[in-house]
Amino acid sequence: MLKAATYFIARHGARGTSLAQIAKQAGVSQPGLIYHYNTKELLLHAVLDRRDESEQYFTWGGEDRPGLAVFTAVVEAVGRWPEDSDTVGMHTVLVAENASEDNAISERLRAAYEAGVEKVALALARAQEDGVLRGDVDPRLKAMEILAFVNGLETAWLANRSMPAQEIAAQWARDQVRTLGIGPGGD
């Protein structure tokens, strides 16, 4: 059911997708779908939960102090986009649909963005403490820039899937490390 919902939302948005379409694609009756997700909002939260479980942009492999590996994490995440392009598209569509809305989904998306900023900013602040990131870099602003890069690249890739997104991300990451880092590969 969640896979079918993700498929339709990626193509038609949440507003353009009916529970009947999702149920038919999933091979269940509409009452069966409603039994599990009695509102469309619950279904949207479920597809976002599924995305959150499968797509963690900023994981450091258990490291508490990843240093400049935050940039490697971006490259690895971008490399996973083709494996589940519906999930990438679904998330982008939900962000666009709810950008100016004031509802539970928009609140959740804003909270997830803020959590991402905080996680990356903390990693960058720790990189400064460890002496691998220049001290004049504002970790929070740089974290916002990193997320803006990822979101922009994601949108461009969805519009043109032949774009070498992972290569673009890798070049960007190398440039970031070279200009922001201290020591090998940095200033």
Protein backbone atom coordinates (compact mmCIF):
# COMPACT_ATOMS: atom_id res chain seq x y z
CA MET A 1 0.00 0.00 0.00
CA LEU A 2 2.80 2.40 0.87
CA LYS A 3 4.66 1.58 -2.33
CA ALA A 4 1.52 2.29 -4.37
CA ALA A 5 0.91 5.54 -2.47
CA THR A 6 4.51 6.62 -3.04
CA TYR A 7 4.20 5.83 -6.77
CA PHE A 8 1.05 7.91 -7.24
CA ILE A 9 2.13 10.82 -5.04
CA ALA A 10 5.43 11.06 -6.94
CA ARG A 11 3.51 11.40 -10.21
CA HIS A 12 0.31 13.24 -9.26
CA GLY A 13 0.91 14.72 -5.84
CA ALA A 14 -1.12 13.98 -2.75
CA ARG A 15 -3.93 16.22 -3.91
CA GLY A 16 -4.11 14.50 -7.28
CA THR A 17 -4.10 11.00 -5.86
CA SER A 18 -7.18 9.23 -4.57
CA LEU A 19 -7.38 6.44 -2.05
CA ALA A 20 -9.22 4.42 -4.70
CA GLN A 21 -6.21 4.67 -7.05
CA ILE A 22 -3.83 3.58 -4.31
CA ALA A 23 -6.05 0.68 -3.26
CA LYS A 24 -6.40 -0.57 -6.85
CA GLN A 25 -2.64 -0.37 -7.47
CA ALA A 26 -1.93 -2.13 -4.18
CA GLY A 27 -4.43 -4.89 -4.96
CA VAL A 28 -6.64 -4.20 -1.96
CA SER A 29 -10.14 -2.86 -1.60
CA GLN A 30 -10.65 0.77 -0.68
CA PRO A 31 -12.21 -0.28 2.65
CA GLY A 32 -9.14 -2.46 3.22
CA LEU A 33 -6.86 0.53 2.66
CA ILE A 34 -9.01 2.69 4.92
CA TYR A 35 -8.86 -0.01 7.61
CA HIS A 36 -5.07 0.52 7.77
CA TYR A 37 -5.02 4.27 7.04
CA ASN A 38 -8.39 5.79 7.82
CA THR A 39 -7.38 9.24 6.53
CA LYS A 40 -5.19 10.43 3.71
CA GLU A 41 -3.12 12.32 6.27
CA LEU A 42 -2.29 9.08 8.10
CA LEU A 43 -1.27 7.55 4.79
CA LEU A 44 0.96 10.54 4.02
CA HIS A 45 2.63 10.20 7.40
CA ALA A 46 3.16 6.49 6.73
CA VAL A 47 4.87 7.12 3.37
CA LEU A 48 7.05 9.75 5.03
CA ASP A 49 7.88 7.28 7.82
CA ARG A 50 8.90 4.77 5.14
CA ARG A 51 11.10 7.40 3.49
CA ASP A 52 12.68 8.36 6.79
CA GLU A 53 13.55 4.72 7.48
CA SER A 54 15.05 4.11 4.05
CA GLU A 55 16.70 7.45 3.32
CA GLN A 56 18.90 8.98 5.92
CA TYR A 57 20.96 11.61 4.13
CA PHE A 58 23.27 12.29 6.97
CA THR A 59 24.40 9.09 8.57
CA TRP A 60 27.96 8.83 9.70
CA GLY A 61 28.26 5.09 10.13
CA GLY A 62 28.05 5.29 13.91
CA GLU A 63 30.71 8.00 14.17
CA ASP A 64 29.95 10.70 16.70
CA ARG A 65 32.42 13.12 15.10
CA PRO A 66 32.34 12.59 11.34
CA GLY A 67 34.50 15.58 10.47
CA LEU A 68 34.17 16.50 6.84
CA ALA A 69 32.56 13.12 6.07
CA VAL A 70 29.28 15.05 5.99
CA PHE A 71 30.14 15.76 2.36
CA THR A 72 30.79 12.08 1.64
CA ALA A 73 27.37 11.29 3.14
CA VAL A 74 25.75 13.61 0.59
CA VAL A 75 27.50 11.86 -2.30
CA GLU A 76 26.45 8.44 -1.00
CA ALA A 77 22.83 9.55 -0.55
CA VAL A 78 22.66 10.98 -4.06
CA GLY A 79 24.02 7.70 -5.38
CA ARG A 80 21.03 5.89 -3.85
CA TRP A 81 18.40 8.02 -5.62
CA PRO A 82 18.03 5.75 -8.68
CA GLU A 83 17.25 2.76 -6.42
CA ASP A 84 14.02 4.39 -5.24
CA SER A 85 13.24 7.34 -7.46
CA ASP A 86 9.54 7.21 -6.49
CA THR A 87 10.45 7.98 -2.89
CA VAL A 88 12.68 10.86 -3.99
CA GLY A 89 9.90 12.22 -6.19
CA MET A 90 7.21 11.72 -3.56
CA HIS A 91 9.16 13.70 -0.99
CA THR A 92 9.89 16.54 -3.41
CA VAL A 93 6.23 16.75 -4.45
CA LEU A 94 5.03 16.77 -0.84
CA VAL A 95 7.47 19.57 0.00
CA ALA A 96 6.25 21.59 -2.98
CA GLU A 97 2.58 20.95 -2.23
CA ASN A 98 2.93 21.90 1.42
CA ALA A 99 5.44 24.75 1.25
CA SER A 100 2.91 27.42 2.10
CA GLU A 101 0.38 25.25 3.87
CA ASP A 102 -0.24 25.11 7.58
CA ASN A 103 -1.10 21.50 8.29
CA ALA A 104 0.35 18.43 9.96
CA ILE A 105 2.34 17.42 6.88
CA SER A 106 3.89 20.87 6.39
CA GLU A 107 4.79 20.98 10.09
CA ARG A 108 6.39 17.55 9.84
CA LEU A 109 8.39 18.54 6.75
CA ARG A 110 9.60 21.76 8.41
CA ALA A 111 10.57 19.83 11.56
CA ALA A 112 12.48 17.27 9.47
CA TYR A 113 14.33 20.06 7.66
CA GLU A 114 15.25 21.71 10.98
CA ALA A 115 16.40 18.37 12.40
CA GLY A 116 18.61 17.88 9.33
CA VAL A 117 20.08 21.36 9.71
CA GLU A 118 20.79 20.74 13.39
CA LYS A 119 22.41 17.35 12.76
CA VAL A 120 24.70 18.69 10.03
CA ALA A 121 25.48 21.89 11.97
CA LEU A 122 26.50 19.81 14.99
CA ALA A 123 28.77 17.65 12.83
CA LEU A 124 30.36 20.77 11.33
CA ALA A 125 30.79 22.40 14.76
CA ARG A 126 32.54 19.24 15.96
CA ALA A 127 34.73 19.34 12.84
CA GLN A 128 35.76 22.85 13.87
CA GLU A 129 36.50 21.65 17.41
CA ASP A 130 38.63 18.86 15.94
CA GLY A 131 40.55 21.34 13.78
CA VAL A 132 39.49 19.98 10.38
CA LEU A 133 37.04 22.78 9.45
CA ARG A 134 37.99 26.45 9.22
CA GLY A 135 36.90 28.46 12.24
CA ASP A 136 35.32 31.25 10.18
CA VAL A 137 32.61 28.92 8.83
CA ASP A 138 29.18 29.30 10.47
CA PRO A 139 28.13 25.66 10.95
CA ARG A 140 24.39 26.40 10.87
CA LEU A 141 24.56 28.50 7.71
CA LYS A 142 26.79 25.92 6.02
CA ALA A 143 24.33 23.18 7.05
CA MET A 144 21.49 25.13 5.42
CA GLU A 145 23.62 25.54 2.29
CA ILE A 146 24.31 21.80 2.17
CA LEU A 147 20.60 20.99 2.40
CA ALA A 148 19.83 23.62 -0.25
CA PHE A 149 22.38 21.97 -2.54
CA VAL A 150 20.87 18.52 -1.98
CA ASN A 151 17.30 19.75 -2.51
CA GLY A 152 18.22 21.67 -5.65
CA LEU A 153 20.15 18.76 -7.12
CA GLU A 154 17.26 16.45 -6.27
CA THR A 155 14.80 18.64 -8.15
CA ALA A 156 17.11 18.94 -11.16
CA TRP A 157 17.69 15.17 -11.20
CA LEU A 158 13.96 14.48 -11.07
CA ALA A 159 13.53 16.70 -14.12
CA ASN A 160 16.42 15.01 -15.96
CA ARG A 161 17.27 11.54 -14.70
CA SER A 162 20.13 11.20 -17.16
CA MET A 163 21.96 13.92 -15.23
CA PRO A 164 25.08 12.51 -13.53
CA ALA A 165 23.88 13.63 -10.09
CA GLN A 166 26.34 11.56 -8.10
CA GLU A 167 29.27 12.87 -10.15
CA ILE A 168 28.03 16.43 -9.64
CA ALA A 169 27.70 15.81 -5.90
CA ALA A 170 31.17 14.26 -5.74
CA GLN A 171 32.77 17.25 -7.47
CA TRP A 172 30.85 19.63 -5.20
CA ALA A 173 31.95 17.66 -2.12
CA ARG A 174 35.61 17.76 -3.19
CA ASP A 175 35.33 21.53 -3.73
CA GLN A 176 33.73 21.98 -0.30
CA VAL A 177 36.43 19.98 1.49
CA ARG A 178 39.17 21.81 -0.41
CA THR A 179 37.86 25.27 0.45
CA LEU A 180 36.58 24.62 3.98
CA GLY A 181 39.03 22.11 5.35
CA ILE A 182 42.25 22.53 7.24
CA GLY A 183 45.10 20.19 6.49
CA PRO A 184 45.29 17.63 3.65
CA GLY A 185 42.82 18.62 0.95
CA GLY A 186 42.02 21.91 2.68
CA ASP A 187 43.68 25.25 3.32
